[in-house]
Amino acid sequence: MTRQGARDETGLITGDAVVVDLRLAKLPSRSLAFLIDLTLQFVALAALTFLLGAAGELADPALSYVLFFVATIAVIVGYPVLIESLTRGRTLGKLVVGLRVVRDDGGSIRFRHALTRGLAAVVEIYACFGAIAVVVSLLSPEGKRVGDYMAGTVVVRERAPQQRAAQLWIPPGLEPYAAALDLRRLQPSTALSARQYVTRAASLKPDARQTLGRSIADEVARQVSPPPPPGISPDTYLSVVLAERSRRAVSPQAPHQPAPPPAAPPVASGPASGEPDDDAPRTVPTDDGFAAPS
């Protein structure tokens, strides 16, 4: 699986198969946050203009023009760049509306991301009166503007809805296998990724579900023994592991049943010469025991 993040209709899934349950922010909410920031910038610029105008009577007029130009750039570009860098993606307007700028993989932005977005805003928002930003945002499935594409960022709603509880089950016939699981090496972060996947699996696109499910199931299988039964799907395997883990968390005194010892190889009943018996059944080994999800 690549490191590039996948995305579904309601949130982000990082390249590490960790679900970021945040809704993508579209043009209306982003416009409201921008208007709040623009009002604050206008007030700050008006105050600086008044101060520079008062100081201009005592200074060289050329110096006053230079200071006014620097102050304008500082307010238009410096304000969002500085605030987003310090708050990891929030301006005052975004904080009020409940938005945040994150990287495409769901991580926090850095100074270079904020600087790229701020410089692009000079052209697509201020120089063109927002026309470029509005058109690109309406055409973008993620509501991005040009600055987001250049910086590799996306704006999301930070106030996410409550996550639904994962539906965990142990299919009939797999109870002995679940009871024999050794979960002592299962890392909490791996279990969290598996639970988030099971919660969101039904809302994922089939290709993303198959890729993410198999990747997480492989990671869980490396930390849990015995290996998954042949032919089990990644979704079922993860559900069995998580359900048994939850059961043991509720009843920690439940005795752990060790995995049964491997069966001894059957005694060959073919010809005594050691040649293979054409009538004997043959077992075709599988790669990792996982079947494609239904």
Protein backbone atom coordinates (compact mmCIF):
# COMPACT_ATOMS: atom_id res chain seq x y z
CA MET A 1 0.00 0.00 0.00
CA THR A 2 1.32 3.45 -0.84
CA ARG A 3 1.81 6.24 1.63
CA GLN A 4 -0.57 8.51 -0.21
CA GLY A 5 -3.80 9.01 1.70
CA ALA A 6 -7.14 7.71 0.46
CA ARG A 7 -10.39 9.58 0.91
CA ASP A 8 -14.07 8.72 1.10
CA GLU A 9 -17.17 10.93 1.13
CA THR A 10 -17.09 11.83 4.82
CA GLY A 11 -13.49 11.83 5.94
CA LEU A 12 -9.82 11.07 5.36
CA ILE A 13 -7.90 7.81 5.63
CA THR A 14 -4.17 8.23 5.91
CA GLY A 15 -1.53 6.14 4.19
CA ASP A 16 -1.00 4.32 7.49
CA ALA A 17 -4.62 3.11 7.37
CA VAL A 18 -5.69 5.41 10.21
CA VAL A 19 -9.13 6.87 9.76
CA VAL A 20 -9.39 10.59 10.37
CA ASP A 21 -13.10 11.08 10.99
CA LEU A 22 -13.34 14.70 9.83
CA ARG A 23 -15.71 16.10 7.27
CA LEU A 24 -14.29 18.07 4.38
CA ALA A 25 -15.08 21.79 4.51
CA LYS A 26 -16.68 23.19 1.37
CA LEU A 27 -17.06 26.71 -0.03
CA PRO A 28 -19.85 28.11 2.25
CA SER A 29 -18.10 27.37 5.55
CA ARG A 30 -14.72 28.37 4.17
CA SER A 31 -16.16 31.65 2.87
CA LEU A 32 -17.63 32.45 6.28
CA ALA A 33 -14.29 31.85 7.98
CA PHE A 34 -12.54 34.00 5.36
CA LEU A 35 -14.98 36.88 5.88
CA ILE A 36 -14.29 36.82 9.62
CA ASP A 37 -10.54 36.90 8.99
CA LEU A 38 -10.95 39.60 6.35
CA THR A 39 -12.85 41.79 8.82
CA LEU A 40 -10.08 41.42 11.37
CA GLN A 41 -7.46 42.20 8.72
CA PHE A 42 -9.38 45.29 7.61
CA VAL A 43 -9.57 46.60 11.19
CA ALA A 44 -5.86 45.92 11.73
CA LEU A 45 -4.93 47.58 8.42
CA ALA A 46 -7.09 50.62 9.19
CA ALA A 47 -5.41 51.02 12.58
CA LEU A 48 -1.94 50.72 11.03
CA THR A 49 -2.87 53.23 8.30
CA PHE A 50 -3.99 55.73 10.93
CA LEU A 51 -0.79 55.31 12.89
CA LEU A 52 1.40 55.56 9.80
CA GLY A 53 -0.52 58.61 8.60
CA ALA A 54 0.09 60.34 11.92
CA ALA A 55 3.76 59.40 11.83
CA GLY A 56 4.06 60.44 8.17
CA GLU A 57 3.72 64.11 9.11
CA LEU A 58 7.02 63.84 10.98
CA ALA A 59 8.83 61.52 8.55
CA ASP A 60 9.80 61.42 4.90
CA PRO A 61 6.74 60.75 2.66
CA ALA A 62 8.67 58.09 0.71
CA LEU A 63 9.37 56.26 3.95
CA SER A 64 5.69 56.43 4.84
CA TYR A 65 4.75 54.76 1.54
CA VAL A 66 7.29 51.99 2.12
CA LEU A 67 6.02 51.40 5.64
CA PHE A 68 2.42 51.34 4.41
CA PHE A 69 3.32 48.76 1.74
CA VAL A 70 5.12 46.57 4.29
CA ALA A 71 2.19 46.84 6.70
CA THR A 72 -0.26 45.81 3.97
CA ILE A 73 1.78 42.73 3.06
CA ALA A 74 2.18 41.87 6.74
CA VAL A 75 -1.57 41.99 7.31
CA ILE A 76 -2.63 40.22 4.10
CA VAL A 77 0.05 37.53 3.96
CA GLY A 78 1.72 37.56 7.36
CA TYR A 79 -1.46 37.22 9.42
CA PRO A 80 -2.71 33.89 7.98
CA VAL A 81 0.80 32.46 7.59
CA LEU A 82 1.82 33.28 11.16
CA ILE A 83 -1.44 32.23 12.82
CA GLU A 84 -1.79 28.98 10.84
CA SER A 85 1.83 28.06 11.57
CA LEU A 86 1.48 28.68 15.32
CA THR A 87 -1.93 27.00 15.68
CA ARG A 88 -1.27 24.14 13.22
CA GLY A 89 -3.88 25.17 10.69
CA ARG A 90 -6.31 27.53 12.40
CA THR A 91 -6.95 31.23 11.98
CA LEU A 92 -9.38 33.16 14.16
CA GLY A 93 -12.05 32.81 11.49
CA LYS A 94 -11.49 29.07 11.14
CA LEU A 95 -11.53 28.72 14.92
CA VAL A 96 -14.95 30.40 15.12
CA VAL A 97 -16.44 28.30 12.31
CA GLY A 98 -14.74 25.09 13.46
CA LEU A 99 -12.36 24.54 10.53
CA ARG A 100 -8.74 23.55 10.29
CA VAL A 101 -6.13 23.22 7.55
CA VAL A 102 -4.41 19.82 7.47
CA ARG A 103 -2.12 18.01 5.08
CA ASP A 104 -3.58 15.65 2.51
CA ASP A 105 -2.60 12.73 4.75
CA GLY A 106 -4.41 14.26 7.74
CA GLY A 107 -1.29 15.53 9.55
CA SER A 108 -0.67 19.01 10.92
CA ILE A 109 0.66 21.64 8.54
CA ARG A 110 4.01 23.37 8.90
CA PHE A 111 5.27 26.85 8.06
CA ARG A 112 5.97 25.98 4.43
CA HIS A 113 2.39 24.84 3.91
CA ALA A 114 1.00 28.03 5.44
CA LEU A 115 3.43 30.19 3.43
CA THR A 116 2.49 28.52 0.14
CA ARG A 117 -1.24 29.01 0.84
CA GLY A 118 -0.68 32.63 1.89
CA LEU A 119 1.31 33.57 -1.20
CA ALA A 120 -1.17 31.86 -3.52
CA ALA A 121 -4.01 33.78 -1.85
CA VAL A 122 -2.49 37.07 -3.01
CA VAL A 123 -3.23 36.13 -6.62
CA GLU A 124 -6.29 33.87 -6.48
CA ILE A 125 -8.19 35.80 -3.79
CA TYR A 126 -7.02 39.40 -3.47
CA ALA A 127 -5.75 40.18 -6.99
CA CYS A 128 -8.68 38.41 -8.70
CA PHE A 129 -11.31 39.31 -6.07
CA GLY A 130 -11.69 35.65 -5.14
CA ALA A 131 -12.90 34.54 -8.59
CA ILE A 132 -10.19 31.92 -9.10
CA ALA A 133 -10.58 30.53 -5.58
CA VAL A 134 -14.36 30.24 -5.91
CA VAL A 135 -14.27 28.49 -9.29
CA VAL A 136 -11.53 26.03 -8.29
CA SER A 137 -13.23 25.28 -4.97
CA LEU A 138 -16.55 24.56 -6.65
CA LEU A 139 -14.90 22.21 -9.15
CA SER A 140 -12.78 20.42 -6.54
CA PRO A 141 -14.33 17.31 -4.93
CA GLU A 142 -12.54 18.25 -1.69
CA GLY A 143 -13.40 21.96 -1.85
CA LYS A 144 -9.76 22.91 -2.40
CA ARG A 145 -8.49 26.17 -3.81
CA VAL A 146 -5.28 26.68 -5.80
CA GLY A 147 -3.24 27.30 -2.65
CA ASP A 148 -4.36 23.96 -1.22
CA TYR A 149 -3.30 22.09 -4.36
CA MET A 150 0.09 23.82 -4.33
CA ALA A 151 0.69 23.18 -0.61
CA GLY A 152 -0.82 19.68 -0.49
CA THR A 153 -3.42 20.66 2.10
CA VAL A 154 -7.17 20.43 2.63
CA VAL A 155 -9.56 22.25 4.97
CA VAL A 156 -11.67 20.02 7.21
CA ARG A 157 -14.38 20.49 9.80
CA GLU A 158 -12.74 20.03 13.17
CA ARG A 159 -16.01 19.52 14.99
CA ALA A 160 -16.65 15.99 13.78
CA PRO A 161 -19.82 14.05 14.54
CA GLN A 162 -19.66 11.28 17.10
CA GLN A 163 -18.26 8.08 15.69
CA ARG A 164 -20.55 5.09 15.46
CA ALA A 165 -19.72 2.06 17.55
CA ALA A 166 -18.07 -0.72 15.62
CA GLN A 167 -20.22 -3.79 15.02
CA LEU A 168 -18.10 -6.71 16.22
CA TRP A 169 -19.11 -10.35 15.96
CA ILE A 170 -17.70 -13.86 16.08
CA PRO A 171 -19.31 -16.06 13.41
CA PRO A 172 -20.58 -19.49 14.53
CA GLY A 173 -17.82 -22.06 14.42
CA LEU A 174 -15.00 -19.58 15.13
CA GLU A 175 -15.56 -19.42 18.90
CA PRO A 176 -12.79 -21.97 19.66
CA TYR A 177 -10.37 -20.07 17.44
CA ALA A 178 -11.24 -16.77 19.14
CA ALA A 179 -10.78 -18.29 22.59
CA ALA A 180 -7.33 -19.61 21.61
CA LEU A 181 -6.05 -16.23 20.37
CA ASP A 182 -2.92 -14.87 21.99
CA LEU A 183 -3.45 -11.10 22.04
CA ARG A 184 -0.56 -10.14 24.30
CA ARG A 185 1.55 -8.73 21.44
CA LEU A 186 -1.30 -6.77 19.82
CA GLN A 187 -0.34 -3.10 20.02
CA PRO A 188 -3.03 -0.58 21.12
CA SER A 189 -2.35 1.56 18.04
CA THR A 190 -2.89 -1.45 15.76
CA ALA A 191 -6.11 -2.36 17.56
CA LEU A 192 -7.31 1.24 17.23
CA SER A 193 -6.65 1.26 13.49
CA ALA A 194 -8.52 -2.03 13.13
CA ARG A 195 -11.50 -0.76 15.12
CA GLN A 196 -11.66 2.46 13.10
CA TYR A 197 -11.57 0.46 9.88
CA VAL A 198 -14.37 -1.88 11.00
CA THR A 199 -16.45 1.15 11.99
CA ARG A 200 -16.06 2.81 8.61
CA ALA A 201 -15.79 -0.22 6.31
CA ALA A 202 -19.37 -0.02 5.05
CA SER A 203 -18.89 3.59 3.87
CA LEU A 204 -15.65 2.94 1.97
CA LYS A 205 -15.42 2.36 -1.73
CA PRO A 206 -14.83 -1.31 -2.64
CA ASP A 207 -11.24 -0.87 -3.82
CA ALA A 208 -10.26 1.22 -0.80
CA ARG A 209 -12.02 -1.22 1.52
CA GLN A 210 -10.18 -4.21 0.07
CA THR A 211 -6.78 -2.50 0.19
CA LEU A 212 -7.13 -1.05 3.68
CA GLY A 213 -8.77 -4.15 5.13
CA ARG A 214 -6.08 -6.49 3.86
CA SER A 215 -3.29 -4.15 5.01
CA ILE A 216 -4.65 -3.84 8.55
CA ALA A 217 -5.48 -7.56 8.77
CA ASP A 218 -1.91 -8.42 7.74
CA GLU A 219 -0.56 -6.12 10.45
CA VAL A 220 -2.84 -7.64 13.09
CA ALA A 221 -1.91 -11.18 12.00
CA ARG A 222 1.77 -10.38 12.57
CA GLN A 223 1.01 -9.53 16.20
CA VAL A 224 -1.60 -12.20 16.98
CA SER A 225 -1.35 -15.97 17.06
CA PRO A 226 -2.42 -18.50 15.87
CA PRO A 227 -2.60 -17.42 12.21
CA PRO A 228 -5.99 -16.65 10.68
CA PRO A 229 -8.00 -19.62 9.43
CA PRO A 230 -7.68 -20.26 5.67
CA GLY A 231 -10.28 -18.51 3.56
CA ILE A 232 -11.37 -15.97 6.18
CA SER A 233 -11.99 -12.43 4.94
CA PRO A 234 -10.06 -9.49 6.44
CA ASP A 235 -13.28 -7.93 7.80
CA THR A 236 -14.32 -11.13 9.57
CA TYR A 237 -10.83 -11.73 10.94
CA LEU A 238 -10.59 -8.22 12.37
CA SER A 239 -14.05 -8.50 13.87
CA VAL A 240 -13.17 -11.80 15.57
CA VAL A 241 -9.93 -10.39 17.02
CA LEU A 242 -11.56 -7.18 18.25
CA ALA A 243 -14.61 -8.94 19.66
CA GLU A 244 -12.43 -11.35 21.63
CA ARG A 245 -10.24 -8.48 22.80
CA SER A 246 -13.30 -6.59 24.03
CA ARG A 247 -14.65 -9.70 25.75
CA ARG A 248 -11.41 -10.21 27.64
CA ALA A 249 -11.33 -6.53 28.62
CA VAL A 250 -14.77 -6.91 30.21
CA SER A 251 -13.91 -10.28 31.82
CA PRO A 252 -10.18 -10.20 32.53
CA GLN A 253 -10.45 -13.28 34.76
CA ALA A 254 -11.57 -15.42 31.84
CA PRO A 255 -8.96 -18.15 31.40
CA HIS A 256 -6.88 -17.97 28.27
CA GLN A 257 -6.99 -21.14 26.27
CA PRO A 258 -3.65 -21.84 24.62
CA ALA A 259 -3.54 -22.58 20.96
CA PRO A 260 -3.76 -26.30 20.19
CA PRO A 261 -0.46 -27.94 19.22
CA PRO A 262 0.08 -28.55 15.54
CA ALA A 263 -1.21 -31.88 14.39
CA ALA A 264 1.33 -34.53 13.53
CA PRO A 265 1.70 -35.20 9.82
CA PRO A 266 -0.35 -38.19 8.69
CA VAL A 267 1.41 -41.44 7.95
CA ALA A 268 1.76 -41.93 4.25
CA SER A 269 -0.42 -44.73 2.94
CA GLY A 270 0.85 -44.72 -0.60
CA PRO A 271 3.27 -47.10 -2.28
CA ALA A 272 6.22 -48.22 -0.19
CA SER A 273 8.63 -47.03 -2.85
CA GLY A 274 8.10 -43.42 -1.73
CA GLU A 275 6.54 -42.30 -4.99
CA PRO A 276 3.54 -39.97 -4.62
CA ASP A 277 0.13 -41.56 -4.75
CA ASP A 278 -1.89 -40.15 -7.63
CA ASP A 279 -5.12 -40.85 -5.75
CA ALA A 280 -4.09 -38.93 -2.60
CA PRO A 281 -5.69 -35.48 -2.13
CA ARG A 282 -3.40 -32.52 -2.61
CA THR A 283 -3.55 -29.28 -0.58
CA VAL A 284 -2.79 -26.05 -2.41
CA PRO A 285 -1.28 -23.55 0.06
CA THR A 286 -2.58 -19.96 0.13
CA ASP A 287 -0.47 -16.84 0.54
CA ASP A 288 -1.84 -15.54 3.86
CA GLY A 289 -5.22 -17.19 4.39
CA PHE A 290 -7.32 -14.10 3.64
CA ALA A 291 -10.16 -14.30 1.14
CA ALA A 292 -11.56 -11.38 -0.79
CA PRO A 293 -14.25 -9.53 1.21
CA SER A 294 -17.81 -10.26 0.13
